[in-house]
Amino acid sequence: MVSVPENLTKLYYSIGEVAEMFGLSNSLLRYWEGEFPELKPGKNSKGDRKFTVKDIEVVVQIHNLVKERGFTIEGAKKELKDLQTRKKKIAPIVKKLKGIKKELLAIREKL
């Protein structure tokens, strides 16, 4: 499975840099941008796309679904939407668990 490269140190990456990371063409990334509302890189005053690490994480998800798991574009759209719905549902639970962990670590420090 392709993952976000660990050596990402810049705030913004060009479309060419992102395409090279995943072995994709610039035109495919532009196509995905039009098909997946989750992928919305910013643009500078010249109109050049500027991808953040968050945008690259979305590219990883799309790449995994389409290129590795064989989803159609429509299937990948549905899967990404379902994933976002699941994340929203579990977000309060994760927040609560993080709070409990913080409390337990504080108790451990006192022992």
Protein backbone atom coordinates (compact mmCIF):
# COMPACT_ATOMS: atom_id res chain seq x y z
CA MET A 1 0.00 0.00 0.00
CA VAL A 2 1.24 3.45 -0.87
CA SER A 3 1.54 5.77 2.09
CA VAL A 4 2.37 9.41 2.68
CA PRO A 5 6.13 9.78 2.31
CA GLU A 6 7.75 10.44 5.68
CA ASN A 7 10.20 13.03 4.41
CA LEU A 8 7.61 15.70 3.60
CA THR A 9 9.15 18.87 4.96
CA LYS A 10 7.63 21.60 2.81
CA LEU A 11 4.31 23.32 3.38
CA TYR A 12 3.28 23.03 -0.27
CA TYR A 13 4.06 20.66 -3.14
CA SER A 14 3.50 21.20 -6.84
CA ILE A 15 1.30 18.89 -8.88
CA GLY A 16 4.42 17.52 -10.57
CA GLU A 17 6.01 16.65 -7.23
CA VAL A 18 2.85 14.88 -6.03
CA ALA A 19 2.45 13.04 -9.33
CA GLU A 20 6.05 11.83 -9.08
CA MET A 21 5.54 10.61 -5.49
CA PHE A 22 2.85 8.20 -6.68
CA GLY A 23 3.92 7.48 -10.23
CA LEU A 24 0.88 9.28 -11.63
CA SER A 25 0.42 11.82 -14.38
CA ASN A 26 -0.44 15.44 -13.69
CA SER A 27 -3.59 15.04 -15.77
CA LEU A 28 -4.79 12.13 -13.61
CA LEU A 29 -4.36 14.22 -10.46
CA ARG A 30 -6.33 17.05 -12.10
CA TYR A 31 -9.04 14.53 -13.06
CA TRP A 32 -9.19 13.20 -9.50
CA GLU A 33 -9.45 16.77 -8.24
CA GLY A 34 -12.57 17.22 -10.35
CA GLU A 35 -14.08 13.91 -9.28
CA PHE A 36 -13.34 13.88 -5.54
CA PRO A 37 -14.56 16.85 -3.49
CA GLU A 38 -12.16 15.81 -0.71
CA LEU A 39 -9.20 16.69 -2.94
CA LYS A 40 -9.02 20.45 -3.22
CA PRO A 41 -5.45 21.74 -3.38
CA GLY A 42 -5.05 25.47 -3.15
CA LYS A 43 -3.85 27.54 -6.07
CA ASN A 44 -1.42 30.42 -6.16
CA SER A 45 -1.99 33.69 -8.04
CA LYS A 46 -0.77 32.07 -11.26
CA GLY A 47 -3.24 29.19 -10.86
CA ASP A 48 -0.60 26.59 -10.00
CA ARG A 49 -1.89 23.88 -7.67
CA LYS A 50 -0.26 23.72 -4.26
CA PHE A 51 -0.79 20.46 -2.37
CA THR A 52 -0.51 20.35 1.42
CA VAL A 53 0.31 17.21 3.40
CA LYS A 54 -3.44 16.87 4.05
CA ASP A 55 -4.08 16.94 0.28
CA ILE A 56 -1.40 14.30 -0.19
CA GLU A 57 -3.10 12.12 2.44
CA VAL A 58 -6.29 12.28 0.33
CA VAL A 59 -4.28 11.31 -2.77
CA VAL A 60 -2.99 8.29 -0.81
CA GLN A 61 -6.56 7.25 -0.02
CA ILE A 62 -7.74 7.68 -3.60
CA HIS A 63 -4.67 5.90 -4.96
CA ASN A 64 -5.24 3.00 -2.57
CA LEU A 65 -8.89 2.64 -3.56
CA VAL A 66 -8.54 3.09 -7.33
CA LYS A 67 -5.08 1.82 -8.20
CA GLU A 68 -4.48 -0.85 -5.56
CA ARG A 69 -7.91 -2.14 -4.60
CA GLY A 70 -9.51 -1.75 -8.04
CA PHE A 71 -12.44 0.48 -7.11
CA THR A 72 -14.22 2.37 -9.86
CA ILE A 73 -14.27 6.15 -9.49
CA GLU A 74 -17.88 5.99 -8.33
CA GLY A 75 -17.07 3.21 -5.85
CA ALA A 76 -14.10 5.15 -4.51
CA LYS A 77 -16.26 8.27 -4.10
CA LYS A 78 -18.76 6.29 -2.07
CA GLU A 79 -16.05 4.64 0.02
CA LEU A 80 -14.40 7.99 0.82
CA LYS A 81 -17.76 9.49 1.76
CA ASP A 82 -18.52 6.49 3.98
CA LEU A 83 -15.08 6.82 5.59
CA GLN A 84 -15.72 10.49 6.39
CA THR A 85 -19.10 9.57 7.91
CA ARG A 86 -17.47 6.88 10.08
CA LYS A 87 -14.76 9.31 11.20
CA LYS A 88 -17.39 11.86 12.23
CA LYS A 89 -19.25 9.23 14.22
CA ILE A 90 -16.21 8.02 16.13
CA ALA A 91 -14.59 11.46 16.64
CA PRO A 92 -16.33 12.07 20.01
CA ILE A 93 -15.31 8.60 21.19
CA VAL A 94 -11.68 9.17 20.19
CA LYS A 95 -11.71 12.55 21.95
CA LYS A 96 -13.09 10.98 25.13
CA LEU A 97 -10.50 8.17 25.02
CA LYS A 98 -7.68 10.68 24.58
CA GLY A 99 -8.95 12.55 27.63
CA ILE A 100 -9.03 9.33 29.65
CA LYS A 101 -5.51 8.49 28.51
CA LYS A 102 -4.30 11.92 29.59
CA GLU A 103 -5.90 11.46 33.01
CA LEU A 104 -4.38 7.99 33.41
CA LEU A 105 -0.93 9.27 32.50
CA ALA A 106 -1.29 12.05 35.04
CA ILE A 107 -2.25 9.50 37.70
CA ARG A 108 0.74 7.33 36.76
CA GLU A 109 3.07 10.31 37.15
CA LYS A 110 1.77 10.83 40.70
CA LEU A 111 2.44 7.22 41.72
